[in-house]
């Protein structure tokens, strides 16, 4: 059985997953910058990043992520898949 200090270290180093993605309604500017997310105007963009994974498989992943702050103050992480569909992490 691991010692309490080792258990604490293991928990601190554990990668946490986002919740399951949920389809989102997003209005975006030309170029992809989100303006409205599920009816809420976007007040600020905190970050954006591109994820490309499984490029070596028959089902590669290419997603543009955005972390936005809505007019209500909520921080949302949304992404757009290469096919154009938008999702939010719940």
Foldseek 3Di string as FASTA:
>chain_A
DDDPVVVVVVVVPDDDDFADKDFWDFDADVVGHTQAINRFGFPDWPDKDWDWPPPVDPDTWIKIWTFTQTPVRDTWIKIATPVGTIITGD
